Amino acid sequence: MTEKRYIAYLRTSTREQCPDRQIANVKEYAQKSNINLFDEDIYVEQASGKDFDRPKWNSLKEIGFRPGVTLIITELDRLGRDMQAIKDEWRYLTEKGIDIIVIENELLNTSGKSDLERTLISNIVFELLSYVAEKERIKLKLRQSQGIAQAREKGKYKGRKPIEVPADDFLRVYTRWRNKEITAVKAMELLKIKRDKFYSLVKQHEQNIIQAA
């Protein structure tokens, strides 16, 4: 019989952020759930949203994730910095036979579930991310329309500044780029913005989506 092992993966986005809260959360969860989680199996990564270099995560993928391992994370966004990355990592883990525990959303836990239940949970994860993306799109449109309406009431609205990108335009081009239908260079050309502005909008949009989840 394969020995059960638990690994907790925690990530902070900058070196200034302290991981103590996440560490306390996983230890409290492990104790409450009668899980033997050893300190040496708690991996803390500090990866900025800019480059997202994750040597500890990559090391776990190379040598740590084996049959019998259950991965514990505090939130779904610990797996990646955007929706596609989260989907890719979730798919990778489930295909490797790794169980996943998401402390902040136990509905997504695959530990102790049947193959059918794991498949259903994976579908829930992907549908959830798609739902949140659509919800964020609607929120962006609402904010934009409300902002324009308020500005018009105050007589301050004089049209969109050249540097601003309409929410619908960005989301349409973003979706094509994320689906690999066009290159980043082409996306920038369509939106008429430079590289820094494009990736800044991408980062802001995807962080909003993950936080809304």
C-alpha atoms as a PDB file:
ATOM      1  CA  MET A   1       0.000   0.000   0.000  1.00  0.00           C
ATOM      2  CA  THR A   2       1.341   3.438  -0.926  1.00  0.00           C
ATOM      3  CA  GLU A   3       2.265   5.537   2.119  1.00  0.00           C
ATOM      4  CA  LYS A   4       0.174   8.679   2.520  1.00  0.00           C
ATOM      5  CA  ARG A   5       2.170  11.906   2.545  1.00  0.00           C
ATOM      6  CA  TYR A   6       1.016  15.500   2.848  1.00  0.00           C
ATOM      7  CA  ILE A   7       2.807  18.473   1.303  1.00  0.00           C
ATOM      8  CA  ALA A   8       1.768  22.073   1.892  1.00  0.00           C
ATOM      9  CA  TYR A   9       2.727  24.679  -0.694  1.00  0.00           C
ATOM     10  CA  LEU A  10       2.504  28.334   0.291  1.00  0.00           C
ATOM     11  CA  ARG A  11       3.327  31.332  -1.861  1.00  0.00           C
ATOM     12  CA  THR A  12       3.753  35.037  -1.195  1.00  0.00           C
ATOM     13  CA  SER A  13       4.018  37.500  -4.051  1.00  0.00           C
ATOM     14  CA  THR A  14       6.841  39.660  -2.689  1.00  0.00           C
ATOM     15  CA  ARG A  15       9.736  39.242  -0.294  1.00  0.00           C
ATOM     16  CA  GLU A  16       8.135  41.826   1.996  1.00  0.00           C
ATOM     17  CA  GLN A  17       5.043  39.697   2.573  1.00  0.00           C
ATOM     18  CA  CYS A  18       5.189  37.387   5.569  1.00  0.00           C
ATOM     19  CA  PRO A  19       4.037  33.764   5.086  1.00  0.00           C
ATOM     20  CA  ASP A  20       3.252  33.270   8.785  1.00  0.00           C
ATOM     21  CA  ARG A  21      -0.508  33.569   8.282  1.00  0.00           C
ATOM     22  CA  GLN A  22      -0.519  30.877   5.605  1.00  0.00           C
ATOM     23  CA  ILE A  23       1.716  28.609   7.695  1.00  0.00           C
ATOM     24  CA  ALA A  24      -0.593  29.017  10.687  1.00  0.00           C
ATOM     25  CA  ASN A  25      -3.609  28.256   8.504  1.00  0.00           C
ATOM     26  CA  VAL A  26      -2.240  24.982   7.150  1.00  0.00           C
ATOM     27  CA  LYS A  27      -1.018  23.826  10.560  1.00  0.00           C
ATOM     28  CA  GLU A  28      -4.389  24.607  12.124  1.00  0.00           C
ATOM     29  CA  TYR A  29      -6.180  22.787   9.312  1.00  0.00           C
ATOM     30  CA  ALA A  30      -3.876  19.761   9.612  1.00  0.00           C
ATOM     31  CA  GLN A  31      -4.424  19.547  13.352  1.00  0.00           C
ATOM     32  CA  LYS A  32      -8.193  19.883  13.002  1.00  0.00           C
ATOM     33  CA  SER A  33      -8.265  17.232  10.264  1.00  0.00           C
ATOM     34  CA  ASN A  34      -5.908  14.787  12.030  1.00  0.00           C
ATOM     35  CA  ILE A  35      -3.330  15.151   9.247  1.00  0.00           C
ATOM     36  CA  ASN A  36       0.323  14.422   9.927  1.00  0.00           C
ATOM     37  CA  LEU A  37       1.964  17.427   8.306  1.00  0.00           C
ATOM     38  CA  PHE A  38       5.641  17.788   9.142  1.00  0.00           C
ATOM     39  CA  ASP A  39       7.508  21.101   9.087  1.00  0.00           C
ATOM     40  CA  GLU A  40       9.888  19.813   6.421  1.00  0.00           C
ATOM     41  CA  ASP A  41       6.897  19.208   4.150  1.00  0.00           C
ATOM     42  CA  ILE A  42       5.755  22.834   4.290  1.00  0.00           C
ATOM     43  CA  TYR A  43       7.207  24.648   1.275  1.00  0.00           C
ATOM     44  CA  VAL A  44       7.169  28.443   1.239  1.00  0.00           C
ATOM     45  CA  GLU A  45       7.800  30.225  -2.043  1.00  0.00           C
ATOM     46  CA  GLN A  46       8.267  33.941  -2.662  1.00  0.00           C
ATOM     47  CA  ALA A  47       7.415  34.659  -6.282  1.00  0.00           C
ATOM     48  CA  SER A  48       6.559  38.075  -7.647  1.00  0.00           C
ATOM     49  CA  GLY A  49       3.769  38.539 -10.162  1.00  0.00           C
ATOM     50  CA  LYS A  50       6.308  39.979 -12.592  1.00  0.00           C
ATOM     51  CA  ASP A  51       8.514  36.952 -13.293  1.00  0.00           C
ATOM     52  CA  PHE A  52       6.763  34.237 -11.232  1.00  0.00           C
ATOM     53  CA  ASP A  53       9.978  32.258 -10.782  1.00  0.00           C
ATOM     54  CA  ARG A  54       9.064  29.254  -8.599  1.00  0.00           C
ATOM     55  CA  PRO A  55      12.071  26.957  -8.029  1.00  0.00           C
ATOM     56  CA  LYS A  56      10.477  25.156  -5.073  1.00  0.00           C
ATOM     57  CA  TRP A  57       7.312  24.392  -7.014  1.00  0.00           C
ATOM     58  CA  ASN A  58       9.353  23.184  -9.973  1.00  0.00           C
ATOM     59  CA  SER A  59      11.394  20.996  -7.631  1.00  0.00           C
ATOM     60  CA  LEU A  60       8.198  19.475  -6.219  1.00  0.00           C
ATOM     61  CA  LYS A  61       7.040  18.691  -9.737  1.00  0.00           C
ATOM     62  CA  GLU A  62      10.353  16.960 -10.483  1.00  0.00           C
ATOM     63  CA  ILE A  63      10.839  14.914  -7.325  1.00  0.00           C
ATOM     64  CA  GLY A  64       8.093  15.604  -4.782  1.00  0.00           C
ATOM     65  CA  PHE A  65       4.802  14.692  -6.408  1.00  0.00           C
ATOM     66  CA  ARG A  66       4.391  10.946  -6.303  1.00  0.00           C
ATOM     67  CA  PRO A  67       1.419   8.571  -5.865  1.00  0.00           C
ATOM     68  CA  GLY A  68       0.122   8.847  -2.308  1.00  0.00           C
ATOM     69  CA  VAL A  69       0.878  12.578  -2.011  1.00  0.00           C
ATOM     70  CA  THR A  70      -1.813  15.076  -1.073  1.00  0.00           C
ATOM     71  CA  LEU A  71      -1.098  18.727  -1.782  1.00  0.00           C
ATOM     72  CA  ILE A  72      -2.449  21.306   0.661  1.00  0.00           C
ATOM     73  CA  ILE A  73      -2.874  24.928  -0.453  1.00  0.00           C
ATOM     74  CA  THR A  74      -4.661  27.772   1.297  1.00  0.00           C
ATOM     75  CA  GLU A  75      -6.329  29.177  -1.819  1.00  0.00           C
ATOM     76  CA  LEU A  76      -6.731  28.197  -5.454  1.00  0.00           C
ATOM     77  CA  ASP A  77      -4.514  31.028  -6.688  1.00  0.00           C
ATOM     78  CA  ARG A  78      -1.468  29.480  -4.983  1.00  0.00           C
ATOM     79  CA  LEU A  79      -1.250  27.241  -8.052  1.00  0.00           C
ATOM     80  CA  GLY A  80      -0.666  30.057 -10.541  1.00  0.00           C
ATOM     81  CA  ARG A  81      -0.774  33.758 -11.308  1.00  0.00           C
ATOM     82  CA  ASP A  82      -3.578  33.563 -13.879  1.00  0.00           C
ATOM     83  CA  MET A  83      -6.542  31.395 -14.837  1.00  0.00           C
ATOM     84  CA  GLN A  84      -4.745  29.385 -17.491  1.00  0.00           C
ATOM     85  CA  ALA A  85      -1.808  28.634 -15.191  1.00  0.00           C
ATOM     86  CA  ILE A  86      -4.173  27.428 -12.463  1.00  0.00           C
ATOM     87  CA  LYS A  87      -5.977  25.169 -14.940  1.00  0.00           C
ATOM     88  CA  ASP A  88      -2.679  23.774 -16.255  1.00  0.00           C
ATOM     89  CA  GLU A  89      -1.286  23.024 -12.800  1.00  0.00           C
ATOM     90  CA  TRP A  90      -4.572  21.500 -11.599  1.00  0.00           C
ATOM     91  CA  ARG A  91      -4.677  19.272 -14.667  1.00  0.00           C
ATOM     92  CA  TYR A  92      -1.023  18.288 -14.147  1.00  0.00           C
ATOM     93  CA  LEU A  93      -1.626  17.324 -10.501  1.00  0.00           C
ATOM     94  CA  THR A  94      -4.776  15.319 -11.151  1.00  0.00           C
ATOM     95  CA  GLU A  95      -3.184  13.476 -14.060  1.00  0.00           C
ATOM     96  CA  LYS A  96      -0.278  12.558 -11.742  1.00  0.00           C
ATOM     97  CA  GLY A  97      -2.782  11.164  -9.245  1.00  0.00           C
ATOM     98  CA  ILE A  98      -2.096  13.874  -6.660  1.00  0.00           C
ATOM     99  CA  ASP A  99      -4.956  14.715  -4.323  1.00  0.00           C
ATOM    100  CA  ILE A 100      -5.548  18.410  -3.629  1.00  0.00           C
ATOM    101  CA  ILE A 101      -6.895  20.144  -0.524  1.00  0.00           C
ATOM    102  CA  VAL A 102      -7.943  23.790  -0.854  1.00  0.00           C
ATOM    103  CA  ILE A 103      -8.401  25.083   2.690  1.00  0.00           C
ATOM    104  CA  GLU A 104     -10.458  28.154   1.757  1.00  0.00           C
ATOM    105  CA  ASN A 105     -12.828  26.121  -0.442  1.00  0.00           C
ATOM    106  CA  GLU A 106     -13.268  22.552   0.782  1.00  0.00           C
ATOM    107  CA  LEU A 107     -15.764  21.861  -1.993  1.00  0.00           C
ATOM    108  CA  LEU A 108     -12.739  21.541  -4.296  1.00  0.00           C
ATOM    109  CA  ASN A 109     -10.928  18.948  -2.177  1.00  0.00           C
ATOM    110  CA  THR A 110     -10.183  15.734  -4.067  1.00  0.00           C
ATOM    111  CA  SER A 111      -8.639  13.845  -1.151  1.00  0.00           C
ATOM    112  CA  GLY A 112     -10.441  10.581  -0.450  1.00  0.00           C
ATOM    113  CA  LYS A 113     -12.725  10.963  -3.463  1.00  0.00           C
ATOM    114  CA  SER A 114     -13.494   8.450  -6.215  1.00  0.00           C
ATOM    115  CA  ASP A 115     -12.259   8.904  -9.783  1.00  0.00           C
ATOM    116  CA  LEU A 116     -15.719  10.095 -10.816  1.00  0.00           C
ATOM    117  CA  GLU A 117     -15.829  12.615  -7.984  1.00  0.00           C
ATOM    118  CA  ARG A 118     -12.344  13.877  -8.883  1.00  0.00           C
ATOM    119  CA  THR A 119     -13.460  14.404 -12.472  1.00  0.00           C
ATOM    120  CA  LEU A 120     -16.539  16.287 -11.314  1.00  0.00           C
ATOM    121  CA  ILE A 121     -14.445  18.487  -9.016  1.00  0.00           C
ATOM    122  CA  SER A 122     -12.036  19.294 -11.857  1.00  0.00           C
ATOM    123  CA  ASN A 123     -15.003  20.322 -13.975  1.00  0.00           C
ATOM    124  CA  ILE A 124     -16.198  22.533 -11.123  1.00  0.00           C
ATOM    125  CA  VAL A 125     -12.782  24.212 -10.941  1.00  0.00           C
ATOM    126  CA  PHE A 126     -12.733  24.986 -14.658  1.00  0.00           C
ATOM    127  CA  GLU A 127     -16.357  26.142 -14.685  1.00  0.00           C
ATOM    128  CA  LEU A 128     -15.692  28.315 -11.630  1.00  0.00           C
ATOM    129  CA  LEU A 129     -12.787  30.058 -13.319  1.00  0.00           C
ATOM    130  CA  SER A 130     -14.851  30.610 -16.467  1.00  0.00           C
ATOM    131  CA  TYR A 131     -17.735  31.993 -14.401  1.00  0.00           C
ATOM    132  CA  VAL A 132     -15.466  34.373 -12.516  1.00  0.00           C
ATOM    133  CA  ALA A 133     -13.955  35.588 -15.795  1.00  0.00           C
ATOM    134  CA  GLU A 134     -17.423  36.405 -17.147  1.00  0.00           C
ATOM    135  CA  LYS A 135     -18.389  38.038 -13.858  1.00  0.00           C
ATOM    136  CA  GLU A 136     -15.272  40.200 -13.986  1.00  0.00           C
ATOM    137  CA  ARG A 137     -16.059  41.199 -17.573  1.00  0.00           C
ATOM    138  CA  ILE A 138     -19.510  42.407 -16.509  1.00  0.00           C
ATOM    139  CA  LYS A 139     -18.061  44.281 -13.533  1.00  0.00           C
ATOM    140  CA  LEU A 140     -15.525  46.029 -15.762  1.00  0.00           C
ATOM    141  CA  LYS A 141     -18.247  47.145 -18.155  1.00  0.00           C
ATOM    142  CA  LEU A 142     -20.404  48.394 -15.271  1.00  0.00           C
ATOM    143  CA  ARG A 143     -17.543  50.335 -13.692  1.00  0.00           C
ATOM    144  CA  GLN A 144     -16.694  51.918 -16.998  1.00  0.00           C
ATOM    145  CA  SER A 145     -20.275  52.969 -17.730  1.00  0.00           C
ATOM    146  CA  GLN A 146     -20.772  54.285 -14.192  1.00  0.00           C
ATOM    147  CA  GLY A 147     -17.539  56.263 -14.362  1.00  0.00           C
ATOM    148  CA  ILE A 148     -18.500  57.850 -17.664  1.00  0.00           C
ATOM    149  CA  ALA A 149     -21.987  58.674 -16.383  1.00  0.00           C
ATOM    150  CA  GLN A 150     -20.633  60.333 -13.242  1.00  0.00           C
ATOM    151  CA  ALA A 151     -18.083  62.295 -15.230  1.00  0.00           C
ATOM    152  CA  ARG A 152     -20.764  63.512 -17.622  1.00  0.00           C
ATOM    153  CA  GLU A 153     -22.927  64.652 -14.719  1.00  0.00           C
ATOM    154  CA  LYS A 154     -20.011  66.728 -13.454  1.00  0.00           C
ATOM    155  CA  GLY A 155     -19.222  67.989 -16.935  1.00  0.00           C
ATOM    156  CA  LYS A 156     -15.760  66.474 -16.800  1.00  0.00           C
ATOM    157  CA  TYR A 157     -16.098  63.737 -19.374  1.00  0.00           C
ATOM    158  CA  LYS A 158     -14.243  64.677 -22.529  1.00  0.00           C
ATOM    159  CA  GLY A 159     -13.809  61.286 -24.100  1.00  0.00           C
ATOM    160  CA  ARG A 160     -11.354  58.482 -23.469  1.00  0.00           C
ATOM    161  CA  LYS A 161      -7.692  59.290 -23.097  1.00  0.00           C
ATOM    162  CA  PRO A 162      -5.497  57.720 -25.780  1.00  0.00           C
ATOM    163  CA  ILE A 163      -3.707  55.504 -23.244  1.00  0.00           C
ATOM    164  CA  GLU A 164      -6.923  53.941 -21.926  1.00  0.00           C
ATOM    165  CA  VAL A 165      -8.200  50.697 -23.407  1.00  0.00           C
ATOM    166  CA  PRO A 166     -11.961  49.941 -23.531  1.00  0.00           C
ATOM    167  CA  ALA A 167     -12.861  46.914 -21.414  1.00  0.00           C
ATOM    168  CA  ASP A 168     -14.576  45.092 -24.278  1.00  0.00           C
ATOM    169  CA  ASP A 169     -11.664  45.656 -26.663  1.00  0.00           C
ATOM    170  CA  PHE A 170      -9.140  44.449 -24.131  1.00  0.00           C
ATOM    171  CA  LEU A 171     -11.153  41.376 -23.143  1.00  0.00           C
ATOM    172  CA  ARG A 172     -11.711  40.393 -26.769  1.00  0.00           C
ATOM    173  CA  VAL A 173      -8.011  40.713 -27.652  1.00  0.00           C
ATOM    174  CA  TYR A 174      -6.916  39.220 -24.331  1.00  0.00           C
ATOM    175  CA  THR A 175      -9.065  36.123 -24.912  1.00  0.00           C
ATOM    176  CA  ARG A 176      -7.616  35.616 -28.399  1.00  0.00           C
ATOM    177  CA  TRP A 177      -4.076  36.030 -27.028  1.00  0.00           C
ATOM    178  CA  ARG A 178      -4.672  33.704 -24.046  1.00  0.00           C
ATOM    179  CA  ASN A 179      -6.148  31.083 -26.401  1.00  0.00           C
ATOM    180  CA  LYS A 180      -2.970  31.403 -28.521  1.00  0.00           C
ATOM    181  CA  GLU A 181      -4.886  32.618 -31.544  1.00  0.00           C
ATOM    182  CA  ILE A 182      -2.619  35.669 -31.792  1.00  0.00           C
ATOM    183  CA  THR A 183       0.812  36.634 -30.475  1.00  0.00           C
ATOM    184  CA  ALA A 184       1.428  39.206 -27.761  1.00  0.00           C
ATOM    185  CA  VAL A 185       2.921  41.512 -30.395  1.00  0.00           C
ATOM    186  CA  LYS A 186      -0.266  41.256 -32.450  1.00  0.00           C
ATOM    187  CA  ALA A 187      -2.390  41.898 -29.357  1.00  0.00           C
ATOM    188  CA  MET A 188      -0.421  45.067 -28.614  1.00  0.00           C
ATOM    189  CA  GLU A 189      -0.821  46.159 -32.211  1.00  0.00           C
ATOM    190  CA  LEU A 190      -4.596  45.649 -32.103  1.00  0.00           C
ATOM    191  CA  LEU A 191      -4.915  47.547 -28.830  1.00  0.00           C
ATOM    192  CA  LYS A 192      -2.421  50.221 -29.945  1.00  0.00           C
ATOM    193  CA  ILE A 193      -0.475  50.030 -26.710  1.00  0.00           C
ATOM    194  CA  LYS A 194       3.108  49.263 -25.761  1.00  0.00           C
ATOM    195  CA  ARG A 195       4.472  46.123 -24.110  1.00  0.00           C
ATOM    196  CA  ASP A 196       4.543  47.491 -20.538  1.00  0.00           C
ATOM    197  CA  LYS A 197       0.952  48.719 -20.757  1.00  0.00           C
ATOM    198  CA  PHE A 198      -0.257  45.425 -22.226  1.00  0.00           C
ATOM    199  CA  TYR A 199       1.264  43.213 -19.532  1.00  0.00           C
ATOM    200  CA  SER A 200       0.167  45.659 -16.839  1.00  0.00           C
ATOM    201  CA  LEU A 201      -3.434  45.298 -18.021  1.00  0.00           C
ATOM    202  CA  VAL A 202      -3.077  41.503 -18.209  1.00  0.00           C
ATOM    203  CA  LYS A 203      -1.717  41.332 -14.672  1.00  0.00           C
ATOM    204  CA  GLN A 204      -4.428  43.604 -13.275  1.00  0.00           C
ATOM    205  CA  HIS A 205      -7.205  41.716 -15.070  1.00  0.00           C
ATOM    206  CA  GLU A 206      -6.059  38.256 -13.984  1.00  0.00           C
ATOM    207  CA  GLN A 207      -5.441  39.324 -10.383  1.00  0.00           C
ATOM    208  CA  ASN A 208      -9.004  40.674 -10.268  1.00  0.00           C
ATOM    209  CA  ILE A 209     -10.328  37.366 -11.566  1.00  0.00           C
ATOM    210  CA  ILE A 210      -8.417  35.281  -9.024  1.00  0.00           C
ATOM    211  CA  GLN A 211      -9.348  37.539  -6.107  1.00  0.00           C
ATOM    212  CA  ALA A 212     -13.003  37.407  -7.112  1.00  0.00           C
ATOM    213  CA  ALA A 213     -12.894  33.593  -6.950  1.00  0.00           C
END
